């Protein structure tokens, strides 16, 4: 019992350190033409969106939207990978299931843990 408590405390300390490090985690992606860049935080929220040229002024709305969406999605994938790597052995499941859970879809992780698919309430 005492060994289990020590192990639990150690895991809690590692989780606290990893969480503290992730508070400042960000990822940035830049479009291929270097027109726009996006920075997102560990929660996947847009922290900064910058236009580096005036090219966006002459773009069709759908083309501009696609460019912005692409850099935001790439930055979110990068920060999700950072979060997954930081949690590494601290969270249950394989890294693919953890990354999927971090990206907002916990179904694979829940299934891997034997909790099965989550049924919507009726």
N, C-alpha and C. Protein backbone atom coordinates (compact mmCIF):
# COMPACT_ATOMS: atom_id res chain seq x y z
N UNK A 1 0.83 -1.19 0.00
CA UNK A 1 0.00 0.00 0.00
C UNK A 1 0.87 1.26 0.00
N UNK A 2 1.89 1.26 0.84
CA UNK A 2 2.77 2.41 0.92
C UNK A 2 3.52 2.63 -0.40
N UNK A 3 3.93 1.54 -1.02
CA UNK A 3 4.61 1.63 -2.32
C UNK A 3 3.67 2.23 -3.37
N UNK A 4 2.42 1.83 -3.35
CA UNK A 4 1.44 2.37 -4.30
C UNK A 4 1.24 3.87 -4.09
N UNK A 5 1.21 4.30 -2.84
CA UNK A 5 1.06 5.72 -2.54
C UNK A 5 2.27 6.52 -3.03
N UNK A 6 3.47 5.96 -2.84
CA UNK A 6 4.68 6.64 -3.33
C UNK A 6 4.64 6.76 -4.85
N UNK A 7 4.22 5.68 -5.50
CA UNK A 7 4.13 5.68 -6.95
C UNK A 7 3.10 6.71 -7.43
N UNK A 8 1.97 6.78 -6.75
CA UNK A 8 0.94 7.74 -7.09
C UNK A 8 1.44 9.17 -6.92
N UNK A 9 2.12 9.44 -5.82
CA UNK A 9 2.67 10.79 -5.59
C UNK A 9 3.69 11.16 -6.65
N UNK A 10 4.52 10.21 -7.01
CA UNK A 10 5.52 10.45 -8.05
C UNK A 10 4.86 10.77 -9.39
N UNK A 11 3.83 10.02 -9.72
CA UNK A 11 3.09 10.27 -10.96
C UNK A 11 2.43 11.64 -10.92
N UNK A 12 1.85 12.00 -9.78
CA UNK A 12 1.22 13.31 -9.64
C UNK A 12 2.24 14.43 -9.82
N UNK A 13 3.43 14.26 -9.27
CA UNK A 13 4.47 15.28 -9.43
C UNK A 13 4.90 15.41 -10.89
N UNK A 14 5.06 14.28 -11.57
CA UNK A 14 5.44 14.31 -12.99
C UNK A 14 4.35 14.97 -13.82
N UNK A 15 3.09 14.65 -13.51
CA UNK A 15 1.97 15.28 -14.23
C UNK A 15 1.94 16.79 -13.99
N UNK A 16 2.19 17.20 -12.76
CA UNK A 16 2.20 18.63 -12.43
C UNK A 16 3.31 19.35 -13.20
N UNK A 17 4.51 18.73 -13.27
CA UNK A 17 5.61 19.34 -14.01
C UNK A 17 5.28 19.43 -15.50
N UNK A 18 4.74 18.34 -16.04
CA UNK A 18 4.39 18.33 -17.47
C UNK A 18 3.32 19.37 -17.76
N UNK A 19 2.32 19.48 -16.88
CA UNK A 19 1.26 20.48 -17.06
C UNK A 19 1.82 21.89 -17.03
N UNK A 20 2.71 22.15 -16.09
CA UNK A 20 3.31 23.48 -15.98
C UNK A 20 4.09 23.81 -17.25
N UNK A 21 4.82 22.85 -17.78
CA UNK A 21 5.58 23.08 -19.01
C UNK A 21 4.65 23.34 -20.19
N UNK A 22 3.51 22.68 -20.21
CA UNK A 22 2.58 22.82 -21.32
C UNK A 22 1.82 24.14 -21.30
N UNK A 23 1.78 24.80 -20.15
CA UNK A 23 1.09 26.09 -20.06
C UNK A 23 1.68 27.08 -21.06
N UNK A 24 2.97 26.96 -21.31
CA UNK A 24 3.62 27.91 -22.22
C UNK A 24 3.89 27.31 -23.60
N UNK A 25 3.41 26.12 -23.85
CA UNK A 25 3.65 25.47 -25.14
C UNK A 25 2.87 26.16 -26.25
N UNK A 26 3.54 26.39 -27.35
CA UNK A 26 2.90 26.96 -28.54
C UNK A 26 3.48 26.28 -29.76
N UNK A 27 2.79 26.43 -30.87
CA UNK A 27 3.30 25.96 -32.15
C UNK A 27 2.92 26.98 -33.20
N UNK A 28 3.81 27.16 -34.16
CA UNK A 28 3.55 28.12 -35.23
C UNK A 28 3.67 27.41 -36.58
N UNK A 29 2.81 27.77 -37.49
CA UNK A 29 2.88 27.29 -38.86
C UNK A 29 2.83 28.49 -39.79
N UNK A 30 3.58 28.38 -40.88
CA UNK A 30 3.66 29.46 -41.86
C UNK A 30 3.23 28.89 -43.21
N UNK A 31 2.44 29.66 -43.95
CA UNK A 31 2.01 29.20 -45.27
C UNK A 31 3.21 29.06 -46.20
N UNK A 32 3.06 28.22 -47.22
CA UNK A 32 4.15 27.97 -48.16
C UNK A 32 4.65 29.24 -48.82
N UNK A 33 3.74 30.16 -49.09
CA UNK A 33 4.15 31.41 -49.73
C UNK A 33 4.55 32.49 -48.72
N UNK A 34 4.59 32.13 -47.46
CA UNK A 34 4.98 33.01 -46.35
C UNK A 34 4.07 34.23 -46.17
N UNK A 35 2.85 34.11 -46.66
CA UNK A 35 1.91 35.22 -46.55
C UNK A 35 1.31 35.31 -45.15
N UNK A 36 0.99 34.17 -44.55
CA UNK A 36 0.29 34.16 -43.27
C UNK A 36 0.93 33.13 -42.35
N UNK A 37 0.89 33.43 -41.05
CA UNK A 37 1.34 32.47 -40.05
C UNK A 37 0.35 32.47 -38.89
N UNK A 38 0.29 31.34 -38.22
CA UNK A 38 -0.60 31.21 -37.06
C UNK A 38 0.17 30.56 -35.92
N UNK A 39 -0.05 31.06 -34.73
CA UNK A 39 0.51 30.47 -33.52
C UNK A 39 -0.66 30.04 -32.64
N UNK A 40 -0.60 28.81 -32.14
CA UNK A 40 -1.65 28.31 -31.26
C UNK A 40 -1.04 27.88 -29.94
N UNK A 41 -1.85 27.91 -28.88
CA UNK A 41 -1.38 27.49 -27.56
C UNK A 41 -1.68 26.00 -27.35
N UNK A 42 -1.35 25.49 -26.18
CA UNK A 42 -1.51 24.06 -25.89
C UNK A 42 -2.96 23.60 -25.94
N UNK A 43 -3.90 24.51 -25.80
CA UNK A 43 -5.31 24.16 -25.89
C UNK A 43 -5.81 24.23 -27.33
N UNK A 44 -4.93 24.58 -28.26
CA UNK A 44 -5.30 24.66 -29.67
C UNK A 44 -5.96 25.97 -30.04
N UNK A 45 -5.95 26.93 -29.12
CA UNK A 45 -6.55 28.23 -29.39
C UNK A 45 -5.56 29.10 -30.17
N UNK A 46 -6.08 29.91 -31.07
CA UNK A 46 -5.22 30.79 -31.85
C UNK A 46 -4.70 31.89 -30.92
N UNK A 47 -3.38 31.94 -30.77
CA UNK A 47 -2.75 32.96 -29.95
C UNK A 47 -2.34 34.16 -30.80
N UNK A 48 -2.02 33.89 -32.08
CA UNK A 48 -1.61 34.97 -32.97
C UNK A 48 -1.84 34.56 -34.41
N UNK A 49 -2.32 35.48 -35.20
CA UNK A 49 -2.50 35.29 -36.63
C UNK A 49 -1.88 36.51 -37.30
N UNK A 50 -0.87 36.28 -38.15
CA UNK A 50 -0.16 37.40 -38.77
C UNK A 50 -0.14 37.28 -40.29
N UNK A 51 -0.33 38.39 -40.94
CA UNK A 51 -0.18 38.47 -42.39
C UNK A 51 1.13 39.20 -42.65
N UNK A 52 2.02 38.53 -43.39
CA UNK A 52 3.36 39.07 -43.61
C UNK A 52 3.49 39.85 -44.92
N UNK A 53 2.51 39.72 -45.78
CA UNK A 53 2.50 40.47 -47.05
C UNK A 53 1.09 41.02 -47.26
N UNK A 54 0.95 41.81 -48.31
CA UNK A 54 -0.37 42.35 -48.65
C UNK A 54 -1.11 41.46 -49.65
N UNK A 55 -0.57 40.31 -49.95
CA UNK A 55 -1.16 39.42 -50.95
C UNK A 55 -2.62 39.09 -50.60
N UNK A 56 -2.94 39.00 -49.32
CA UNK A 56 -4.30 38.63 -48.91
C UNK A 56 -5.35 39.61 -49.42
N UNK A 57 -4.97 40.84 -49.69
CA UNK A 57 -5.91 41.86 -50.14
C UNK A 57 -6.50 41.55 -51.52
N UNK A 58 -5.73 40.83 -52.34
CA UNK A 58 -6.20 40.55 -53.69
C UNK A 58 -6.68 39.10 -53.86
N UNK A 59 -6.72 38.36 -52.77
CA UNK A 59 -7.14 36.96 -52.84
C UNK A 59 -8.66 36.83 -52.79
N UNK A 60 -9.15 35.79 -53.44
CA UNK A 60 -10.57 35.46 -53.33
C UNK A 60 -10.84 35.04 -51.88
N UNK A 61 -12.01 35.35 -51.35
CA UNK A 61 -12.31 34.99 -49.95
C UNK A 61 -12.08 33.50 -49.64
N UNK A 62 -12.50 32.62 -50.55
CA UNK A 62 -12.33 31.18 -50.30
C UNK A 62 -10.86 30.80 -50.26
N UNK A 63 -10.05 31.42 -51.11
CA UNK A 63 -8.60 31.13 -51.13
C UNK A 63 -7.93 31.62 -49.85
N UNK A 64 -8.31 32.80 -49.38
CA UNK A 64 -7.77 33.33 -48.13
C UNK A 64 -8.18 32.46 -46.95
N UNK A 65 -9.44 32.09 -46.92
CA UNK A 65 -9.94 31.23 -45.84
C UNK A 65 -9.19 29.91 -45.82
N UNK A 66 -8.94 29.34 -46.98
CA UNK A 66 -8.23 28.07 -47.07
C UNK A 66 -6.79 28.21 -46.55
N UNK A 67 -6.12 29.31 -46.90
CA UNK A 67 -4.74 29.53 -46.44
C UNK A 67 -4.68 29.67 -44.92
N UNK A 68 -5.63 30.43 -44.36
CA UNK A 68 -5.66 30.63 -42.91
C UNK A 68 -5.98 29.31 -42.21
N UNK A 69 -6.97 28.60 -42.72
CA UNK A 69 -7.37 27.33 -42.12
C UNK A 69 -6.20 26.33 -42.14
N UNK A 70 -5.46 26.29 -43.23
CA UNK A 70 -4.33 25.37 -43.35
C UNK A 70 -3.26 25.63 -42.30
N UNK A 71 -2.86 26.90 -42.11
CA UNK A 71 -1.81 27.17 -41.14
C UNK A 71 -2.29 26.92 -39.71
N UNK A 72 -3.56 27.22 -39.43
CA UNK A 72 -4.09 26.98 -38.09
C UNK A 72 -4.13 25.48 -37.80
N UNK A 73 -4.60 24.69 -38.76
CA UNK A 73 -4.66 23.23 -38.57
C UNK A 73 -3.27 22.63 -38.38
N UNK A 74 -2.29 23.09 -39.17
CA UNK A 74 -0.93 22.56 -39.01
C UNK A 74 -0.35 22.93 -37.65
N UNK A 75 -0.58 24.14 -37.20
CA UNK A 75 -0.09 24.56 -35.88
C UNK A 75 -0.77 23.74 -34.78
N UNK A 76 -2.07 23.49 -34.93
CA UNK A 76 -2.78 22.69 -33.93
C UNK A 76 -2.25 21.26 -33.88
N UNK A 77 -1.97 20.68 -35.03
CA UNK A 77 -1.39 19.32 -35.05
C UNK A 77 -0.04 19.30 -34.36
N UNK A 78 0.78 20.33 -34.61
CA UNK A 78 2.11 20.39 -33.99
C UNK A 78 2.02 20.52 -32.47
N UNK A 79 1.15 21.38 -31.99
CA UNK A 79 1.04 21.55 -30.54
C UNK A 79 0.41 20.31 -29.90
N UNK A 80 -0.52 19.66 -30.59
CA UNK A 80 -1.11 18.42 -30.06
C UNK A 80 -0.03 17.35 -29.93
N UNK A 81 0.89 17.31 -30.89
CA UNK A 81 2.00 16.35 -30.83
C UNK A 81 2.91 16.67 -29.63
N UNK A 82 3.15 17.97 -29.39
CA UNK A 82 3.96 18.37 -28.24
C UNK A 82 3.30 17.92 -26.93
N UNK A 83 2.00 18.13 -26.84
CA UNK A 83 1.26 17.75 -25.63
C UNK A 83 1.32 16.24 -25.45
N UNK A 84 1.09 15.50 -26.52
CA UNK A 84 1.12 14.04 -26.45
C UNK A 84 2.49 13.54 -26.03
N UNK A 85 3.54 14.12 -26.61
CA UNK A 85 4.91 13.71 -26.26
C UNK A 85 5.22 14.05 -24.81
N UNK A 86 4.77 15.21 -24.34
CA UNK A 86 5.05 15.63 -22.97
C UNK A 86 4.37 14.71 -21.97
N UNK A 87 3.17 14.24 -22.31
CA UNK A 87 2.45 13.37 -21.40
C UNK A 87 2.96 11.93 -21.50
N UNK A 88 3.60 11.61 -22.63
CA UNK A 88 4.24 10.32 -22.84
C UNK A 88 3.71 9.19 -21.99
N UNK A 89 4.54 8.68 -21.12
CA UNK A 89 4.19 7.56 -20.27
C UNK A 89 3.31 7.94 -19.09
N UNK A 90 2.97 9.20 -18.96
CA UNK A 90 2.17 9.62 -17.81
C UNK A 90 0.69 9.32 -17.99
N UNK A 91 0.25 9.27 -19.24
CA UNK A 91 -1.16 8.99 -19.51
C UNK A 91 -1.29 7.59 -20.08
N UNK A 92 -2.39 6.94 -19.81
CA UNK A 92 -2.58 5.59 -20.33
C UNK A 92 -2.81 5.60 -21.83
N UNK A 93 -2.68 4.46 -22.44
CA UNK A 93 -2.95 4.32 -23.87
C UNK A 93 -1.71 4.51 -24.71
N UNK A 94 -1.84 4.14 -25.99
CA UNK A 94 -0.70 4.34 -26.88
C UNK A 94 -0.67 5.78 -27.37
N UNK A 95 0.43 6.19 -27.96
CA UNK A 95 0.60 7.60 -28.31
C UNK A 95 -0.42 8.05 -29.35
N UNK A 96 -0.83 7.18 -30.26
CA UNK A 96 -1.81 7.57 -31.27
C UNK A 96 -3.16 7.88 -30.61
N UNK A 97 -3.56 7.05 -29.66
CA UNK A 97 -4.84 7.28 -28.96
C UNK A 97 -4.77 8.55 -28.11
N UNK A 98 -3.61 8.79 -27.47
CA UNK A 98 -3.46 10.02 -26.67
C UNK A 98 -3.51 11.25 -27.57
N UNK A 99 -2.83 11.19 -28.72
CA UNK A 99 -2.83 12.33 -29.63
C UNK A 99 -4.23 12.61 -30.14
N UNK A 100 -4.97 11.55 -30.42
CA UNK A 100 -6.34 11.72 -30.89
C UNK A 100 -7.20 12.35 -29.79
N UNK A 101 -6.99 11.93 -28.54
CA UNK A 101 -7.75 12.50 -27.43
C UNK A 101 -7.40 13.97 -27.24
N UNK A 102 -6.12 14.30 -27.35
CA UNK A 102 -5.69 15.69 -27.22
C UNK A 102 -6.30 16.55 -28.32
N UNK A 103 -6.44 15.97 -29.52
CA UNK A 103 -7.02 16.70 -30.64
C UNK A 103 -8.53 16.87 -30.52
N UNK A 104 -9.12 16.27 -29.49
CA UNK A 104 -10.54 16.48 -29.25
C UNK A 104 -11.43 15.27 -29.45
N UNK A 105 -10.84 14.12 -29.79
CA UNK A 105 -11.65 12.91 -29.97
C UNK A 105 -11.12 11.81 -29.06
N UNK A 106 -11.68 11.67 -27.86
CA UNK A 106 -11.17 10.70 -26.89
C UNK A 106 -11.66 9.27 -27.12
N UNK A 107 -12.44 9.00 -28.17
CA UNK A 107 -13.06 7.68 -28.34
C UNK A 107 -12.05 6.54 -28.40
N UNK A 108 -10.94 6.70 -29.13
CA UNK A 108 -9.95 5.62 -29.25
C UNK A 108 -9.30 5.34 -27.89
N UNK A 109 -8.98 6.40 -27.14
CA UNK A 109 -8.37 6.23 -25.83
C UNK A 109 -9.35 5.54 -24.87
N UNK A 110 -10.60 5.96 -24.88
CA UNK A 110 -11.60 5.34 -24.01
C UNK A 110 -11.79 3.87 -24.35
N UNK A 111 -11.81 3.56 -25.63
CA UNK A 111 -11.97 2.17 -26.04
C UNK A 111 -10.75 1.34 -25.62
N UNK A 112 -9.56 1.91 -25.79
CA UNK A 112 -8.34 1.21 -25.41
C UNK A 112 -8.29 0.93 -23.90
N UNK A 113 -8.90 1.82 -23.12
CA UNK A 113 -8.92 1.65 -21.66
C UNK A 113 -10.07 0.72 -21.22
N UNK A 114 -10.80 0.19 -22.19
CA UNK A 114 -11.88 -0.72 -21.86
C UNK A 114 -13.17 -0.04 -21.47
N UNK A 115 -13.26 1.23 -21.78
CA UNK A 115 -14.46 1.98 -21.43
C UNK A 115 -15.45 2.01 -22.58
N UNK A 116 -15.08 1.40 -23.70
CA UNK A 116 -15.98 1.25 -24.84
C UNK A 116 -16.39 2.55 -25.46
N UNK A 117 -17.19 2.45 -26.49
CA UNK A 117 -17.68 3.67 -27.13
C UNK A 117 -18.63 4.41 -26.21
N UNK A 118 -18.55 5.72 -26.27
CA UNK A 118 -19.41 6.54 -25.45
C UNK A 118 -20.72 6.74 -26.19
N UNK A 119 -21.82 6.31 -25.58
CA UNK A 119 -23.15 6.43 -26.20
C UNK A 119 -23.75 7.76 -25.79
N UNK A 120 -24.35 8.47 -26.73
CA UNK A 120 -25.00 9.73 -26.37
C UNK A 120 -26.19 9.48 -25.46
N UNK A 121 -26.49 10.43 -24.56
CA UNK A 121 -27.65 10.25 -23.67
C UNK A 121 -28.93 10.26 -24.48
N UNK A 122 -29.92 9.50 -23.99
CA UNK A 122 -31.21 9.41 -24.68
C UNK A 122 -32.24 10.24 -23.99
